[in-house]
PDB file of all heavy atoms in Angstrom:
ATOM      1  N   THR A   1     109.966  82.161  99.547  1.00  0.00           N
ATOM      2  CA  THR A   1     110.002  83.321  98.680  1.00  0.00           C
ATOM      3  C   THR A   1     109.969  84.637  99.451  1.00  0.00           C
ATOM      4  O   THR A   1     109.983  85.722  98.880  1.00  0.00           O
ATOM      5  CB  THR A   1     108.861  83.326  97.639  1.00  0.00           C
ATOM      6  OG1 THR A   1     107.611  83.458  98.347  1.00  0.00           O
ATOM      7  CG2 THR A   1     108.865  82.066  96.807  1.00  0.00           C
ATOM      8  N   LEU A   2     109.931  84.522 100.796  1.00  0.00           N
ATOM      9  CA  LEU A   2     109.920  85.738 101.605  1.00  0.00           C
ATOM     10  C   LEU A   2     111.304  86.175 101.940  1.00  0.00           C
ATOM     11  O   LEU A   2     112.256  85.383 101.908  1.00  0.00           O
ATOM     12  CB  LEU A   2     109.141  85.447 102.911  1.00  0.00           C
ATOM     13  CG  LEU A   2     107.632  85.330 102.734  1.00  0.00           C
ATOM     14  CD1 LEU A   2     107.014  84.691 103.976  1.00  0.00           C
ATOM     15  CD2 LEU A   2     107.033  86.678 102.474  1.00  0.00           C
ATOM     16  N   PRO A   3     111.531  87.447 102.272  1.00  0.00           N
ATOM     17  CA  PRO A   3     112.840  87.963 102.623  1.00  0.00           C
ATOM     18  C   PRO A   3     113.431  87.345 103.863  1.00  0.00           C
ATOM     19  O   PRO A   3     112.695  86.839 104.740  1.00  0.00           O
ATOM     20  CB  PRO A   3     112.605  89.489 102.842  1.00  0.00           C
ATOM     21  CG  PRO A   3     111.302  89.744 102.231  1.00  0.00           C
ATOM     22  CD  PRO A   3     110.529  88.549 102.277  1.00  0.00           C
ATOM     23  N   VAL A   4     114.766  87.374 103.938  1.00  0.00           N
ATOM     24  CA  VAL A   4     115.510  86.860 105.104  1.00  0.00           C
ATOM     25  C   VAL A   4     116.181  88.053 105.773  1.00  0.00           C
ATOM     26  O   VAL A   4     116.754  88.926 105.119  1.00  0.00           O
ATOM     27  CB  VAL A   4     116.550  85.818 104.664  1.00  0.00           C
ATOM     28  CG1 VAL A   4     117.374  85.354 105.882  1.00  0.00           C
ATOM     29  CG2 VAL A   4     115.906  84.667 103.964  1.00  0.00           C
ATOM     30  N   LEU A   5     116.050  88.094 107.103  1.00  0.00           N
ATOM     31  CA  LEU A   5     116.656  89.108 107.946  1.00  0.00           C
ATOM     32  C   LEU A   5     117.832  88.498 108.722  1.00  0.00           C
ATOM     33  O   LEU A   5     117.786  87.310 109.049  1.00  0.00           O
ATOM     34  CB  LEU A   5     115.651  89.711 108.919  1.00  0.00           C
ATOM     35  CG  LEU A   5     114.347  90.295 108.384  1.00  0.00           C
ATOM     36  CD1 LEU A   5     113.512  90.811 109.542  1.00  0.00           C
ATOM     37  CD2 LEU A   5     114.661  91.408 107.400  1.00  0.00           C
ATOM     38  N   LEU A   6     118.783  89.379 109.072  1.00  0.00           N
ATOM     39  CA  LEU A   6     119.848  89.026 110.036  1.00  0.00           C
ATOM     40  C   LEU A   6     119.601  89.880 111.245  1.00  0.00           C
ATOM     41  O   LEU A   6     119.550  91.107 111.176  1.00  0.00           O
ATOM     42  CB  LEU A   6     121.174  89.284 109.424  1.00  0.00           C
ATOM     43  CG  LEU A   6     122.379  89.040 110.348  1.00  0.00           C
ATOM     44  CD1 LEU A   6     122.445  87.593 110.820  1.00  0.00           C
ATOM     45  CD2 LEU A   6     123.671  89.417 109.628  1.00  0.00           C
ATOM     46  N   LEU A   7     119.370  89.224 112.377  1.00  0.00           N
ATOM     47  CA  LEU A   7     119.180  89.922 113.679  1.00  0.00           C
ATOM     48  C   LEU A   7     120.537  89.803 114.430  1.00  0.00           C
ATOM     49  O   LEU A   7     120.961  88.689 114.791  1.00  0.00           O
ATOM     50  CB  LEU A   7     118.097  89.241 114.496  1.00  0.00           C
ATOM     51  CG  LEU A   7     116.777  88.980 113.836  1.00  0.00           C
ATOM     52  CD1 LEU A   7     115.815  88.301 114.783  1.00  0.00           C
ATOM     53  CD2 LEU A   7     116.191  90.272 113.288  1.00  0.00           C
ATOM     54  N   GLY A   8     121.204  90.931 114.589  1.00  0.00           N
ATOM     55  CA  GLY A   8     122.499  90.940 115.175  1.00  0.00           C
ATOM     56  C   GLY A   8     122.497  90.724 116.642  1.00  0.00           C
ATOM     57  O   GLY A   8     121.629  91.307 117.371  1.00  0.00           O
ATOM     58  N   ASP A   9     123.413  89.896 117.181  1.00  0.00           N
ATOM     59  CA  ASP A   9     123.460  89.650 118.626  1.00  0.00           C
ATOM     60  C   ASP A   9     123.960  90.849 119.354  1.00  0.00           C
ATOM     61  O   ASP A   9     123.773  91.007 120.557  1.00  0.00           O
ATOM     62  CB  ASP A   9     124.367  88.447 118.904  1.00  0.00           C
ATOM     63  CG  ASP A   9     125.775  88.585 118.458  1.00  0.00           C
ATOM     64  OD1 ASP A   9     126.011  88.693 117.242  1.00  0.00           O
ATOM     65  OD2 ASP A   9     126.690  88.670 119.328  1.00  0.00           O
ATOM     66  N   GLU A  10     124.655  91.789 118.690  1.00  0.00           N
ATOM     67  CA  GLU A  10     125.093  93.003 119.324  1.00  0.00           C
ATOM     68  C   GLU A  10     124.330  94.225 118.815  1.00  0.00           C
ATOM     69  O   GLU A  10     124.751  95.357 118.950  1.00  0.00           O
ATOM     70  CB  GLU A  10     126.603  93.226 119.098  1.00  0.00           C
ATOM     71  CG  GLU A  10     127.439  92.158 119.803  1.00  0.00           C
ATOM     72  CD  GLU A  10     128.908  92.383 119.668  1.00  0.00           C
ATOM     73  OE1 GLU A  10     129.333  93.542 119.408  1.00  0.00           O
ATOM     74  OE2 GLU A  10     129.669  91.433 119.833  1.00  0.00           O
ATOM     75  N   GLY A  11     123.208  93.975 118.202  1.00  0.00           N
ATOM     76  CA  GLY A  11     122.373  95.027 117.649  1.00  0.00           C
ATOM     77  C   GLY A  11     122.355  95.004 116.149  1.00  0.00           C
ATOM     78  O   GLY A  11     123.221  94.426 115.467  1.00  0.00           O
ATOM     79  N   GLY A  12     121.334  95.593 115.586  1.00  0.00           N
ATOM     80  CA  GLY A  12     121.191  95.642 114.167  1.00  0.00           C
ATOM     81  C   GLY A  12     120.197  94.626 113.662  1.00  0.00           C
ATOM     82  O   GLY A  12     120.195  93.447 114.083  1.00  0.00           O
ATOM     83  N   VAL A  13     119.320  95.038 112.790  1.00  0.00           N
ATOM     84  CA  VAL A  13     118.363  94.177 112.113  1.00  0.00           C
ATOM     85  C   VAL A  13     118.446  94.624 110.623  1.00  0.00           C
ATOM     86  O   VAL A  13     118.219  95.786 110.318  1.00  0.00           O
ATOM     87  CB  VAL A  13     116.925  94.390 112.640  1.00  0.00           C
ATOM     88  CG1 VAL A  13     115.968  93.485 111.884  1.00  0.00           C
ATOM     89  CG2 VAL A  13     116.844  94.133 114.121  1.00  0.00           C
ATOM     90  N   HIS A  14     118.738  93.654 109.760  1.00  0.00           N
ATOM     91  CA  HIS A  14     118.978  93.981 108.366  1.00  0.00           C
ATOM     92  C   HIS A  14     118.395  92.943 107.435  1.00  0.00           C
ATOM     93  O   HIS A  14     118.425  91.764 107.704  1.00  0.00           O
ATOM     94  CB  HIS A  14     120.471  94.110 108.084  1.00  0.00           C
ATOM     95  CG  HIS A  14     121.170  95.052 108.970  1.00  0.00           C
ATOM     96  ND1 HIS A  14     121.153  96.418 108.730  1.00  0.00           N
ATOM     97  CD2 HIS A  14     121.885  94.899 110.109  1.00  0.00           C
ATOM     98  CE1 HIS A  14     121.814  97.042 109.666  1.00  0.00           C
ATOM     99  NE2 HIS A  14     122.270  96.147 110.543  1.00  0.00           N
ATOM    100  N   VAL A  15     117.906  93.418 106.283  1.00  0.00           N
ATOM    101  CA  VAL A  15     117.526  92.514 105.218  1.00  0.00           C
ATOM    102  C   VAL A  15     118.818  92.040 104.534  1.00  0.00           C
ATOM    103  O   VAL A  15     119.688  92.826 104.202  1.00  0.00           O
ATOM    104  CB  VAL A  15     116.666  93.272 104.106  1.00  0.00           C
ATOM    105  CG1 VAL A  15     116.346  92.356 102.934  1.00  0.00           C
ATOM    106  CG2 VAL A  15     115.398  93.846 104.747  1.00  0.00           C
ATOM    107  N   VAL A  16     118.947  90.701 104.417  1.00  0.00           N
ATOM    108  CA  VAL A  16     120.148  90.152 103.812  1.00  0.00           C
ATOM    109  C   VAL A  16     119.882  89.386 102.485  1.00  0.00           C
ATOM    110  O   VAL A  16     120.787  89.068 101.757  1.00  0.00           O
ATOM    111  CB  VAL A  16     120.978  89.310 104.764  1.00  0.00           C
ATOM    112  CG1 VAL A  16     121.574  90.145 105.858  1.00  0.00           C
ATOM    113  CG2 VAL A  16     120.201  88.162 105.321  1.00  0.00           C
ATOM    114  N   ALA A  17     118.594  89.069 102.253  1.00  0.00           N
ATOM    115  CA  ALA A  17     118.262  88.353 101.010  1.00  0.00           C
ATOM    116  C   ALA A  17     116.787  88.561 100.699  1.00  0.00           C
ATOM    117  O   ALA A  17     115.962  88.677 101.601  1.00  0.00           O
ATOM    118  CB  ALA A  17     118.549  86.849 101.132  1.00  0.00           C
ATOM    119  N   ARG A  18     116.465  88.579  99.426  1.00  0.00           N
ATOM    120  CA  ARG A  18     115.089  88.766  99.022  1.00  0.00           C
ATOM    121  C   ARG A  18     114.259  87.488  99.167  1.00  0.00           C
ATOM    122  O   ARG A  18     113.044  87.571  99.257  1.00  0.00           O
ATOM    123  CB  ARG A  18     115.015  89.228  97.553  1.00  0.00           C
ATOM    124  CG  ARG A  18     115.540  90.588  97.333  1.00  0.00           C
ATOM    125  CD  ARG A  18     115.645  90.942  95.862  1.00  0.00           C
ATOM    126  NE  ARG A  18     116.912  90.384  95.381  1.00  0.00           N
ATOM    127  CZ  ARG A  18     117.703  91.034  94.587  1.00  0.00           C
ATOM    128  NH1 ARG A  18     117.410  92.251  94.101  1.00  0.00           N
ATOM    129  NH2 ARG A  18     118.870  90.478  94.231  1.00  0.00           N
ATOM    130  N   GLU A  19     114.958  86.347  99.268  1.00  0.00           N
ATOM    131  CA  GLU A  19     114.295  85.033  99.415  1.00  0.00           C
ATOM    132  C   GLU A  19     115.338  84.047  99.904  1.00  0.00           C
ATOM    133  O   GLU A  19     116.521  84.282  99.886  1.00  0.00           O
ATOM    134  CB  GLU A  19     113.695  84.582  98.109  1.00  0.00           C
ATOM    135  CG  GLU A  19     114.751  84.440  97.031  1.00  0.00           C
ATOM    136  CD  GLU A  19     114.188  83.982  95.678  1.00  0.00           C
ATOM    137  OE1 GLU A  19     112.972  83.896  95.546  1.00  0.00           O
ATOM    138  OE2 GLU A  19     115.030  83.679  94.817  1.00  0.00           O
ATOM    139  N   LEU A  20     114.867  82.920 100.405  1.00  0.00           N
ATOM    140  CA  LEU A  20     115.754  81.884 100.928  1.00  0.00           C
ATOM    141  C   LEU A  20     116.796  81.394  99.941  1.00  0.00           C
ATOM    142  O   LEU A  20     117.974  81.306 100.319  1.00  0.00           O
ATOM    143  CB  LEU A  20     114.938  80.716 101.487  1.00  0.00           C
ATOM    144  CG  LEU A  20     115.727  79.658 102.212  1.00  0.00           C
ATOM    145  CD1 LEU A  20     116.458  80.236 103.390  1.00  0.00           C
ATOM    146  CD2 LEU A  20     114.808  78.491 102.626  1.00  0.00           C
ATOM    147  N   PRO A  21     116.476  81.083  98.704  1.00  0.00           N
ATOM    148  CA  PRO A  21     117.539  80.660  97.783  1.00  0.00           C
ATOM    149  C   PRO A  21     118.648  81.690  97.638  1.00  0.00           C
ATOM    150  O   PRO A  21     119.836  81.296  97.484  1.00  0.00           O
ATOM    151  CB  PRO A  21     116.799  80.452  96.429  1.00  0.00           C
ATOM    152  CG  PRO A  21     115.415  80.122  96.857  1.00  0.00           C
ATOM    153  CD  PRO A  21     115.160  80.965  98.054  1.00  0.00           C
ATOM    154  N   GLU A  22     118.341  82.955  97.712  1.00  0.00           N
ATOM    155  CA  GLU A  22     119.345  84.002  97.637  1.00  0.00           C
ATOM    156  C   GLU A  22     120.271  83.896  98.883  1.00  0.00           C
ATOM    157  O   GLU A  22     121.472  84.049  98.768  1.00  0.00           O
ATOM    158  CB  GLU A  22     118.683  85.358  97.513  1.00  0.00           C
ATOM    159  CG  GLU A  22     119.614  86.474  97.074  1.00  0.00           C
ATOM    160  CD  GLU A  22     118.857  87.706  96.719  1.00  0.00           C
ATOM    161  OE1 GLU A  22     118.321  88.357  97.681  1.00  0.00           O
ATOM    162  OE2 GLU A  22     118.830  88.047  95.557  1.00  0.00           O
ATOM    163  N   LEU A  23     119.701  83.667 100.089  1.00  0.00           N
ATOM    164  CA  LEU A  23     120.530  83.473 101.227  1.00  0.00           C
ATOM    165  C   LEU A  23     121.454  82.320 101.085  1.00  0.00           C
ATOM    166  O   LEU A  23     122.603  82.343 101.496  1.00  0.00           O
ATOM    167  CB  LEU A  23     119.716  83.360 102.487  1.00  0.00           C
ATOM    168  CG  LEU A  23     120.554  83.089 103.759  1.00  0.00           C
ATOM    169  CD1 LEU A  23     121.316  84.342 104.145  1.00  0.00           C
ATOM    170  CD2 LEU A  23     119.731  82.612 104.921  1.00  0.00           C
ATOM    171  N   LEU A  24     120.951  81.232 100.504  1.00  0.00           N
ATOM    172  CA  LEU A  24     121.797  80.023 100.339  1.00  0.00           C
ATOM    173  C   LEU A  24     123.013  80.346  99.485  1.00  0.00           C
ATOM    174  O   LEU A  24     124.113  79.858  99.752  1.00  0.00           O
ATOM    175  CB  LEU A  24     120.982  78.885  99.701  1.00  0.00           C
ATOM    176  CG  LEU A  24     119.835  78.325 100.583  1.00  0.00           C
ATOM    177  CD1 LEU A  24     119.084  77.232  99.820  1.00  0.00           C
ATOM    178  CD2 LEU A  24     120.317  77.832 101.875  1.00  0.00           C
ATOM    179  N   ARG A  25     122.837  81.183  98.492  1.00  0.00           N
ATOM    180  CA  ARG A  25     123.990  81.648  97.649  1.00  0.00           C
ATOM    181  C   ARG A  25     124.989  82.465  98.495  1.00  0.00           C
ATOM    182  O   ARG A  25     126.179  82.321  98.352  1.00  0.00           O
ATOM    183  CB  ARG A  25     123.497  82.466  96.447  1.00  0.00           C
ATOM    184  CG  ARG A  25     122.667  81.643  95.467  1.00  0.00           C
ATOM    185  CD  ARG A  25     122.284  82.480  94.240  1.00  0.00           C
ATOM    186  NE  ARG A  25     123.531  82.885  93.565  1.00  0.00           N
ATOM    187  CZ  ARG A  25     123.809  84.116  93.281  1.00  0.00           C
ATOM    188  NH1 ARG A  25     122.974  85.101  93.577  1.00  0.00           N
ATOM    189  NH2 ARG A  25     124.962  84.441  92.651  1.00  0.00           N
ATOM    190  N   VAL A  26     124.445  83.312  99.379  1.00  0.00           N
ATOM    191  CA  VAL A  26     125.312  84.106 100.250  1.00  0.00           C
ATOM    192  C   VAL A  26     126.080  83.165 101.194  1.00  0.00           C
ATOM    193  O   VAL A  26     127.285  83.316 101.354  1.00  0.00           O
ATOM    194  CB  VAL A  26     124.485  85.132 101.054  1.00  0.00           C
ATOM    195  CG1 VAL A  26     125.300  85.759 102.194  1.00  0.00           C
ATOM    196  CG2 VAL A  26     123.918  86.234 100.115  1.00  0.00           C
ATOM    197  N   LEU A  27     125.388  82.215 101.774  1.00  0.00           N
ATOM    198  CA  LEU A  27     126.045  81.256 102.666  1.00  0.00           C
ATOM    199  C   LEU A  27     127.175  80.493 101.931  1.00  0.00           C
ATOM    200  O   LEU A  27     128.237  80.240 102.481  1.00  0.00           O
ATOM    201  CB  LEU A  27     125.028  80.281 103.223  1.00  0.00           C
ATOM    202  CG  LEU A  27     123.983  80.806 104.186  1.00  0.00           C
ATOM    203  CD1 LEU A  27     122.979  79.737 104.529  1.00  0.00           C
ATOM    204  CD2 LEU A  27     124.602  81.461 105.405  1.00  0.00           C
ATOM    205  N   ALA A  28     126.908  80.111 100.680  1.00  0.00           N
ATOM    206  CA  ALA A  28     127.893  79.316  99.919  1.00  0.00           C
ATOM    207  C   ALA A  28     129.142  80.119  99.614  1.00  0.00           C
ATOM    208  O   ALA A  28     130.141  79.545  99.283  1.00  0.00           O
ATOM    209  CB  ALA A  28     127.190  78.831  98.611  1.00  0.00           C
ATOM    210  N   SER A  29     129.074  81.405  99.739  1.00  0.00           N
ATOM    211  CA  SER A  29     130.265  82.256  99.513  1.00  0.00           C
ATOM    212  C   SER A  29     131.382  81.904 100.537  1.00  0.00           C
ATOM    213  O   SER A  29     132.544  82.183 100.298  1.00  0.00           O
ATOM    214  CB  SER A  29     129.947  83.723  99.561  1.00  0.00           C
ATOM    215  OG  SER A  29     129.732  84.141 100.931  1.00  0.00           O
TER     216      SER A  29
END
């Protein structure tokens, strides 16, 4: 239920989902 971040290999740190199930929906896209 915790947020998911994306840590960019060329820089950048961003919130990409409010929780893991939300990230799974993004991945399924």
